[in-house]
Amino acid sequence: MIQSIIFDMDGTLFQTNKILECSLEDTFNHLRALQHWDSSTPIEKYREIMGVPLPKVWETLLPQQSKEVRELADAYFLERLIDNIKNRKGALYPHVTEVFSFLKEQNCSIYIASNGLVDYLNAIVSTYQLDQWVTETFSIEQIDSLNKSDLVGKIVEKYGITNGAVVGDRLSDFQAAKDNGLVAIGCNFDFAKEEELAKADFMMDDFLQLKGILAEL
């Protein structure tokens, strides 16, 4: 069986969609109040790029705005996300804790590699007590390149992983697996795209299916 699994966070372990819209709406209301924005909240555009590092998010959503306005939006958005996490307005996907307990029983090490920021990830890990299963959580903030493959590579190097998998929902997760000689397992959840899932070695529609996939490896 696989000895180590690196999980993405948003759209894989955590149902980010439950806090996404309200946090983004709050952020653009804040920008409107400061007269930095005068149209509707670009929620659909954000869904299209969900999973990319936040600096790239604001470049896409606020292409005409200054660096200062983007940084203001970034800070406020993070604040609203964390507040909503701590108030348990989000949720883990069904069966995550059950599968994590199973993996630990099988002596499989669990890691998280996410494009989310450190404070955001810490809020989720703390609120849902994931650290009872997860060895270490890694943020894209820890990699200058903001590249998921490099982030996964850092975990592989630090922990000497030779027999492992990456579980995620976007192309960057599957590419990170391939670039580091790991198995790519796709989650067909909220933000997944069919053409990207086609790049994964395995695909699941429910977290419980991970047990069966691992049994094949």
C-alpha atoms as a PDB file:
ATOM      1  CA  MET A   1       0.000   0.000   0.000  1.00  0.00           C
ATOM      2  CA  ILE A   2       1.022   3.601  -0.541  1.00  0.00           C
ATOM      3  CA  GLN A   3       3.096   4.818   2.409  1.00  0.00           C
ATOM      4  CA  SER A   4       2.510   8.579   2.115  1.00  0.00           C
ATOM      5  CA  ILE A   5      -0.336  10.697   0.742  1.00  0.00           C
ATOM      6  CA  ILE A   6      -0.205  14.426   0.053  1.00  0.00           C
ATOM      7  CA  PHE A   7      -3.627  16.050  -0.023  1.00  0.00           C
ATOM      8  CA  ASP A   8      -4.708  19.320  -1.546  1.00  0.00           C
ATOM      9  CA  MET A   9      -6.991  21.348   0.738  1.00  0.00           C
ATOM     10  CA  ASP A  10      -9.565  23.429  -1.189  1.00  0.00           C
ATOM     11  CA  GLY A  11     -12.039  21.331  -3.142  1.00  0.00           C
ATOM     12  CA  THR A  12     -10.360  18.148  -1.869  1.00  0.00           C
ATOM     13  CA  LEU A  13     -10.551  18.075   1.930  1.00  0.00           C
ATOM     14  CA  PHE A  14     -12.398  21.320   2.614  1.00  0.00           C
ATOM     15  CA  GLN A  15     -15.662  22.469   1.031  1.00  0.00           C
ATOM     16  CA  THR A  16     -14.386  25.942   0.252  1.00  0.00           C
ATOM     17  CA  ASN A  17     -17.498  26.700  -1.784  1.00  0.00           C
ATOM     18  CA  LYS A  18     -19.445  27.024   1.480  1.00  0.00           C
ATOM     19  CA  ILE A  19     -17.462  30.102   2.530  1.00  0.00           C
ATOM     20  CA  LEU A  20     -16.235  31.332  -0.833  1.00  0.00           C
ATOM     21  CA  GLU A  21     -19.173  33.366  -2.085  1.00  0.00           C
ATOM     22  CA  CYS A  22     -19.933  35.173   1.169  1.00  0.00           C
ATOM     23  CA  SER A  23     -16.239  35.984   1.758  1.00  0.00           C
ATOM     24  CA  LEU A  24     -15.749  37.246  -1.799  1.00  0.00           C
ATOM     25  CA  GLU A  25     -18.978  39.257  -1.645  1.00  0.00           C
ATOM     26  CA  ASP A  26     -17.832  40.836   1.625  1.00  0.00           C
ATOM     27  CA  THR A  27     -14.510  41.724   0.027  1.00  0.00           C
ATOM     28  CA  PHE A  28     -16.029  43.391  -3.019  1.00  0.00           C
ATOM     29  CA  ASN A  29     -18.561  45.223  -0.831  1.00  0.00           C
ATOM     30  CA  HIS A  30     -15.545  46.553   1.054  1.00  0.00           C
ATOM     31  CA  LEU A  31     -13.898  47.617  -2.212  1.00  0.00           C
ATOM     32  CA  ARG A  32     -17.128  49.276  -3.337  1.00  0.00           C
ATOM     33  CA  ALA A  33     -17.355  51.167  -0.055  1.00  0.00           C
ATOM     34  CA  LEU A  34     -13.818  52.429  -0.633  1.00  0.00           C
ATOM     35  CA  GLN A  35     -14.741  53.318  -4.255  1.00  0.00           C
ATOM     36  CA  HIS A  36     -12.245  50.832  -5.692  1.00  0.00           C
ATOM     37  CA  TRP A  37     -14.955  48.793  -7.460  1.00  0.00           C
ATOM     38  CA  ASP A  38     -18.250  49.746  -9.091  1.00  0.00           C
ATOM     39  CA  SER A  39     -19.725  46.577 -10.631  1.00  0.00           C
ATOM     40  CA  SER A  40     -20.922  43.119  -9.581  1.00  0.00           C
ATOM     41  CA  THR A  41     -18.784  40.611  -7.689  1.00  0.00           C
ATOM     42  CA  PRO A  42     -16.918  38.358 -10.194  1.00  0.00           C
ATOM     43  CA  ILE A  43     -17.764  35.087  -8.457  1.00  0.00           C
ATOM     44  CA  GLU A  44     -17.998  33.078 -11.702  1.00  0.00           C
ATOM     45  CA  LYS A  45     -14.582  34.228 -12.846  1.00  0.00           C
ATOM     46  CA  TYR A  46     -13.158  33.219  -9.480  1.00  0.00           C
ATOM     47  CA  ARG A  47     -14.672  29.753  -9.778  1.00  0.00           C
ATOM     48  CA  GLU A  48     -12.923  29.355 -13.131  1.00  0.00           C
ATOM     49  CA  ILE A  49      -9.513  29.984 -11.577  1.00  0.00           C
ATOM     50  CA  MET A  50     -10.163  28.399  -8.181  1.00  0.00           C
ATOM     51  CA  GLY A  51      -6.999  26.773  -6.854  1.00  0.00           C
ATOM     52  CA  VAL A  52      -4.408  29.235  -8.159  1.00  0.00           C
ATOM     53  CA  PRO A  53      -2.322  31.221  -5.630  1.00  0.00           C
ATOM     54  CA  LEU A  54      -4.094  34.306  -4.290  1.00  0.00           C
ATOM     55  CA  PRO A  55      -1.730  36.865  -5.889  1.00  0.00           C
ATOM     56  CA  LYS A  56      -2.777  35.461  -9.280  1.00  0.00           C
ATOM     57  CA  VAL A  57      -6.424  35.566  -8.192  1.00  0.00           C
ATOM     58  CA  TRP A  58      -6.313  39.309  -7.669  1.00  0.00           C
ATOM     59  CA  GLU A  59      -4.391  39.894 -10.888  1.00  0.00           C
ATOM     60  CA  THR A  60      -7.291  38.174 -12.655  1.00  0.00           C
ATOM     61  CA  LEU A  61     -10.207  39.656 -10.708  1.00  0.00           C
ATOM     62  CA  LEU A  62      -8.738  43.160 -10.393  1.00  0.00           C
ATOM     63  CA  PRO A  63      -6.729  43.575 -13.620  1.00  0.00           C
ATOM     64  CA  GLN A  64      -7.100  47.366 -13.718  1.00  0.00           C
ATOM     65  CA  GLN A  65      -6.425  47.967 -10.049  1.00  0.00           C
ATOM     66  CA  SER A  66      -3.152  48.984  -8.429  1.00  0.00           C
ATOM     67  CA  LYS A  67      -0.927  46.641  -6.448  1.00  0.00           C
ATOM     68  CA  GLU A  68      -2.054  48.438  -3.285  1.00  0.00           C
ATOM     69  CA  VAL A  69      -5.741  47.759  -3.983  1.00  0.00           C
ATOM     70  CA  ARG A  70      -5.012  44.114  -4.757  1.00  0.00           C
ATOM     71  CA  GLU A  71      -3.118  43.759  -1.495  1.00  0.00           C
ATOM     72  CA  LEU A  72      -5.988  45.410   0.370  1.00  0.00           C
ATOM     73  CA  ALA A  73      -8.463  42.975  -1.204  1.00  0.00           C
ATOM     74  CA  ASP A  74      -6.177  40.043  -0.450  1.00  0.00           C
ATOM     75  CA  ALA A  75      -5.863  40.919   3.237  1.00  0.00           C
ATOM     76  CA  TYR A  76      -9.581  41.563   3.699  1.00  0.00           C
ATOM     77  CA  PHE A  77     -10.565  38.379   1.857  1.00  0.00           C
ATOM     78  CA  LEU A  78      -8.234  36.289   4.019  1.00  0.00           C
ATOM     79  CA  GLU A  79      -9.685  37.886   7.133  1.00  0.00           C
ATOM     80  CA  ARG A  80     -13.234  37.048   6.076  1.00  0.00           C
ATOM     81  CA  LEU A  81     -12.311  33.481   5.088  1.00  0.00           C
ATOM     82  CA  ILE A  82     -10.668  32.794   8.433  1.00  0.00           C
ATOM     83  CA  ASP A  83     -13.563  34.290  10.345  1.00  0.00           C
ATOM     84  CA  ASN A  84     -16.030  32.106   8.430  1.00  0.00           C
ATOM     85  CA  ILE A  85     -13.867  29.009   9.014  1.00  0.00           C
ATOM     86  CA  LYS A  86     -13.667  29.625  12.748  1.00  0.00           C
ATOM     87  CA  ASN A  87     -17.439  30.116  12.843  1.00  0.00           C
ATOM     88  CA  ARG A  88     -17.754  26.711  11.120  1.00  0.00           C
ATOM     89  CA  LYS A  89     -19.563  28.055   8.081  1.00  0.00           C
ATOM     90  CA  GLY A  90     -17.424  25.736   5.972  1.00  0.00           C
ATOM     91  CA  ALA A  91     -17.088  21.960   6.258  1.00  0.00           C
ATOM     92  CA  LEU A  92     -14.834  19.047   5.447  1.00  0.00           C
ATOM     93  CA  TYR A  93     -16.073  16.788   2.664  1.00  0.00           C
ATOM     94  CA  PRO A  94     -18.020  13.733   3.864  1.00  0.00           C
ATOM     95  CA  HIS A  95     -15.875  10.840   5.135  1.00  0.00           C
ATOM     96  CA  VAL A  96     -12.592  12.789   5.316  1.00  0.00           C
ATOM     97  CA  THR A  97     -12.032  12.048   8.999  1.00  0.00           C
ATOM     98  CA  GLU A  98     -13.094   8.422   8.543  1.00  0.00           C
ATOM     99  CA  VAL A  99     -10.590   7.913   5.733  1.00  0.00           C
ATOM    100  CA  PHE A 100      -7.859   9.756   7.650  1.00  0.00           C
ATOM    101  CA  SER A 101      -8.374   7.427  10.619  1.00  0.00           C
ATOM    102  CA  PHE A 102      -8.151   4.438   8.269  1.00  0.00           C
ATOM    103  CA  LEU A 103      -4.915   5.739   6.735  1.00  0.00           C
ATOM    104  CA  LYS A 104      -3.308   6.217  10.137  1.00  0.00           C
ATOM    105  CA  GLU A 105      -4.306   2.671  11.101  1.00  0.00           C
ATOM    106  CA  GLN A 106      -2.480   1.526   7.966  1.00  0.00           C
ATOM    107  CA  ASN A 107       0.615   3.510   9.009  1.00  0.00           C
ATOM    108  CA  CYS A 108       0.210   5.811   6.031  1.00  0.00           C
ATOM    109  CA  SER A 109       1.653   9.293   6.554  1.00  0.00           C
ATOM    110  CA  ILE A 110      -0.640  12.220   5.680  1.00  0.00           C
ATOM    111  CA  TYR A 111       0.496  15.644   4.468  1.00  0.00           C
ATOM    112  CA  ILE A 112      -1.303  18.692   3.087  1.00  0.00           C
ATOM    113  CA  ALA A 113       0.057  20.787   0.206  1.00  0.00           C
ATOM    114  CA  SER A 114      -2.107  23.769  -0.656  1.00  0.00           C
ATOM    115  CA  ASN A 115      -2.126  26.995  -2.620  1.00  0.00           C
ATOM    116  CA  GLY A 116      -3.823  28.491   0.426  1.00  0.00           C
ATOM    117  CA  LEU A 117      -1.949  30.854   2.735  1.00  0.00           C
ATOM    118  CA  VAL A 118      -0.467  29.739   6.061  1.00  0.00           C
ATOM    119  CA  ASP A 119      -3.003  31.499   8.329  1.00  0.00           C
ATOM    120  CA  TYR A 120      -5.914  30.208   6.257  1.00  0.00           C
ATOM    121  CA  LEU A 121      -4.662  26.623   6.362  1.00  0.00           C
ATOM    122  CA  ASN A 122      -3.919  26.839  10.067  1.00  0.00           C
ATOM    123  CA  ALA A 123      -7.501  27.986  10.687  1.00  0.00           C
ATOM    124  CA  ILE A 124      -8.905  24.902   8.921  1.00  0.00           C
ATOM    125  CA  VAL A 125      -6.466  22.474  10.542  1.00  0.00           C
ATOM    126  CA  SER A 126      -7.152  23.934  13.991  1.00  0.00           C
ATOM    127  CA  THR A 127     -10.941  24.232  13.660  1.00  0.00           C
ATOM    128  CA  TYR A 128     -11.354  20.676  12.383  1.00  0.00           C
ATOM    129  CA  GLN A 129      -8.484  19.212  14.452  1.00  0.00           C
ATOM    130  CA  LEU A 130      -6.776  17.728  11.419  1.00  0.00           C
ATOM    131  CA  ASP A 131      -3.396  17.737  13.133  1.00  0.00           C
ATOM    132  CA  GLN A 132      -4.342  14.508  14.924  1.00  0.00           C
ATOM    133  CA  TRP A 133      -3.821  12.798  11.556  1.00  0.00           C
ATOM    134  CA  VAL A 134      -1.736  15.186   9.451  1.00  0.00           C
ATOM    135  CA  THR A 135       2.051  15.083   9.860  1.00  0.00           C
ATOM    136  CA  GLU A 136       2.598  18.572   8.416  1.00  0.00           C
ATOM    137  CA  THR A 137       0.730  21.172   6.380  1.00  0.00           C
ATOM    138  CA  PHE A 138       2.574  23.065   3.645  1.00  0.00           C
ATOM    139  CA  SER A 139       1.494  26.363   2.060  1.00  0.00           C
ATOM    140  CA  ILE A 140       2.424  27.774  -1.329  1.00  0.00           C
ATOM    141  CA  GLU A 141       3.749  30.747   0.674  1.00  0.00           C
ATOM    142  CA  GLN A 142       6.732  28.545   1.521  1.00  0.00           C
ATOM    143  CA  ILE A 143       7.804  28.312  -2.141  1.00  0.00           C
ATOM    144  CA  ASP A 144       9.179  31.342  -4.000  1.00  0.00           C
ATOM    145  CA  SER A 145       8.048  29.967  -7.365  1.00  0.00           C
ATOM    146  CA  LEU A 146       4.387  29.609  -6.216  1.00  0.00           C
ATOM    147  CA  ASN A 147       4.500  26.294  -8.084  1.00  0.00           C
ATOM    148  CA  LYS A 148       2.585  23.296  -6.699  1.00  0.00           C
ATOM    149  CA  SER A 149       5.121  20.840  -8.130  1.00  0.00           C
ATOM    150  CA  ASP A 150       7.893  22.578  -6.201  1.00  0.00           C
ATOM    151  CA  LEU A 151       5.807  22.524  -3.022  1.00  0.00           C
ATOM    152  CA  VAL A 152       5.154  18.796  -3.313  1.00  0.00           C
ATOM    153  CA  GLY A 153       8.828  18.327  -4.131  1.00  0.00           C
ATOM    154  CA  LYS A 154       9.720  20.020  -0.851  1.00  0.00           C
ATOM    155  CA  ILE A 155       7.584  17.501   1.054  1.00  0.00           C
ATOM    156  CA  VAL A 156       9.044  14.563  -0.882  1.00  0.00           C
ATOM    157  CA  GLU A 157      12.574  15.724  -0.113  1.00  0.00           C
ATOM    158  CA  LYS A 158      11.957  16.543   3.556  1.00  0.00           C
ATOM    159  CA  TYR A 159      10.289  13.234   4.355  1.00  0.00           C
ATOM    160  CA  GLY A 160      12.117  10.995   1.878  1.00  0.00           C
ATOM    161  CA  ILE A 161       8.918   9.894   0.156  1.00  0.00           C
ATOM    162  CA  THR A 162       9.462   7.190  -2.460  1.00  0.00           C
ATOM    163  CA  ASN A 163       6.058   5.480  -2.483  1.00  0.00           C
ATOM    164  CA  GLY A 164       3.327   8.076  -2.411  1.00  0.00           C
ATOM    165  CA  ALA A 165       0.343   9.774  -3.999  1.00  0.00           C
ATOM    166  CA  VAL A 166      -1.083  13.240  -4.434  1.00  0.00           C
ATOM    167  CA  VAL A 167      -4.842  13.618  -3.975  1.00  0.00           C
ATOM    168  CA  GLY A 168      -6.354  16.773  -5.440  1.00  0.00           C
ATOM    169  CA  ASP A 169      -8.947  18.244  -7.746  1.00  0.00           C
ATOM    170  CA  ARG A 170      -7.026  20.415 -10.206  1.00  0.00           C
ATOM    171  CA  LEU A 171      -4.397  19.995 -12.910  1.00  0.00           C
ATOM    172  CA  SER A 172      -1.670  21.522 -10.739  1.00  0.00           C
ATOM    173  CA  ASP A 173      -2.152  18.657  -8.255  1.00  0.00           C
ATOM    174  CA  PHE A 174      -1.858  15.979 -10.927  1.00  0.00           C
ATOM    175  CA  GLN A 175       1.141  17.687 -12.504  1.00  0.00           C
ATOM    176  CA  ALA A 176       2.789  17.923  -9.089  1.00  0.00           C
ATOM    177  CA  ALA A 177       2.320  14.177  -8.662  1.00  0.00           C
ATOM    178  CA  LYS A 178       3.818  13.394 -12.087  1.00  0.00           C
ATOM    179  CA  ASP A 179       6.745  15.784 -11.617  1.00  0.00           C
ATOM    180  CA  ASN A 180       7.655  14.068  -8.349  1.00  0.00           C
ATOM    181  CA  GLY A 181       7.141  10.441  -9.373  1.00  0.00           C
ATOM    182  CA  LEU A 182       3.944  10.018  -7.372  1.00  0.00           C
ATOM    183  CA  VAL A 183       0.491   8.607  -8.176  1.00  0.00           C
ATOM    184  CA  ALA A 184      -2.135  11.238  -9.085  1.00  0.00           C
ATOM    185  CA  ILE A 185      -5.626  10.720  -7.631  1.00  0.00           C
ATOM    186  CA  GLY A 186      -8.365  13.111  -8.741  1.00  0.00           C
ATOM    187  CA  CYS A 187     -11.386  14.252  -6.721  1.00  0.00           C
ATOM    188  CA  ASN A 188     -14.427  14.922  -8.880  1.00  0.00           C
ATOM    189  CA  PHE A 189     -15.843  17.451  -6.419  1.00  0.00           C
ATOM    190  CA  ASP A 190     -17.024  21.067  -6.625  1.00  0.00           C
ATOM    191  CA  PHE A 191     -14.208  22.766  -8.539  1.00  0.00           C
ATOM    192  CA  ALA A 192     -12.948  19.845 -10.617  1.00  0.00           C
ATOM    193  CA  LYS A 193     -12.904  19.982 -14.416  1.00  0.00           C
ATOM    194  CA  GLU A 194     -13.356  16.911 -16.588  1.00  0.00           C
ATOM    195  CA  GLU A 195     -10.467  17.709 -18.908  1.00  0.00           C
ATOM    196  CA  GLU A 196      -8.129  18.119 -15.925  1.00  0.00           C
ATOM    197  CA  LEU A 197      -9.320  14.973 -14.138  1.00  0.00           C
ATOM    198  CA  ALA A 198      -8.405  13.051 -17.301  1.00  0.00           C
ATOM    199  CA  LYS A 199      -4.745  13.682 -16.394  1.00  0.00           C
ATOM    200  CA  ALA A 200      -5.055  11.822 -13.066  1.00  0.00           C
ATOM    201  CA  ASP A 201      -4.163   8.138 -12.695  1.00  0.00           C
ATOM    202  CA  PHE A 202      -7.326   7.468 -10.682  1.00  0.00           C
ATOM    203  CA  MET A 203     -10.520   9.420 -10.049  1.00  0.00           C
ATOM    204  CA  MET A 204     -13.083   9.335  -7.250  1.00  0.00           C
ATOM    205  CA  ASP A 205     -16.528  10.863  -6.784  1.00  0.00           C
ATOM    206  CA  ASP A 206     -16.645  10.164  -3.043  1.00  0.00           C
ATOM    207  CA  PHE A 207     -13.862  10.276  -0.472  1.00  0.00           C
ATOM    208  CA  LEU A 208     -14.601   6.719   0.649  1.00  0.00           C
ATOM    209  CA  GLN A 209     -13.479   5.481  -2.768  1.00  0.00           C
ATOM    210  CA  LEU A 210      -9.916   6.313  -1.791  1.00  0.00           C
ATOM    211  CA  LYS A 211      -9.769   3.076   0.244  1.00  0.00           C
ATOM    212  CA  GLY A 212     -10.511   1.001  -2.851  1.00  0.00           C
ATOM    213  CA  ILE A 213      -8.054   2.912  -5.002  1.00  0.00           C
ATOM    214  CA  LEU A 214      -5.279   2.410  -2.468  1.00  0.00           C
ATOM    215  CA  ALA A 215      -6.047  -1.307  -2.357  1.00  0.00           C
ATOM    216  CA  GLU A 216      -5.118  -1.445  -6.069  1.00  0.00           C
ATOM    217  CA  LEU A 217      -1.733   0.169  -5.536  1.00  0.00           C
END
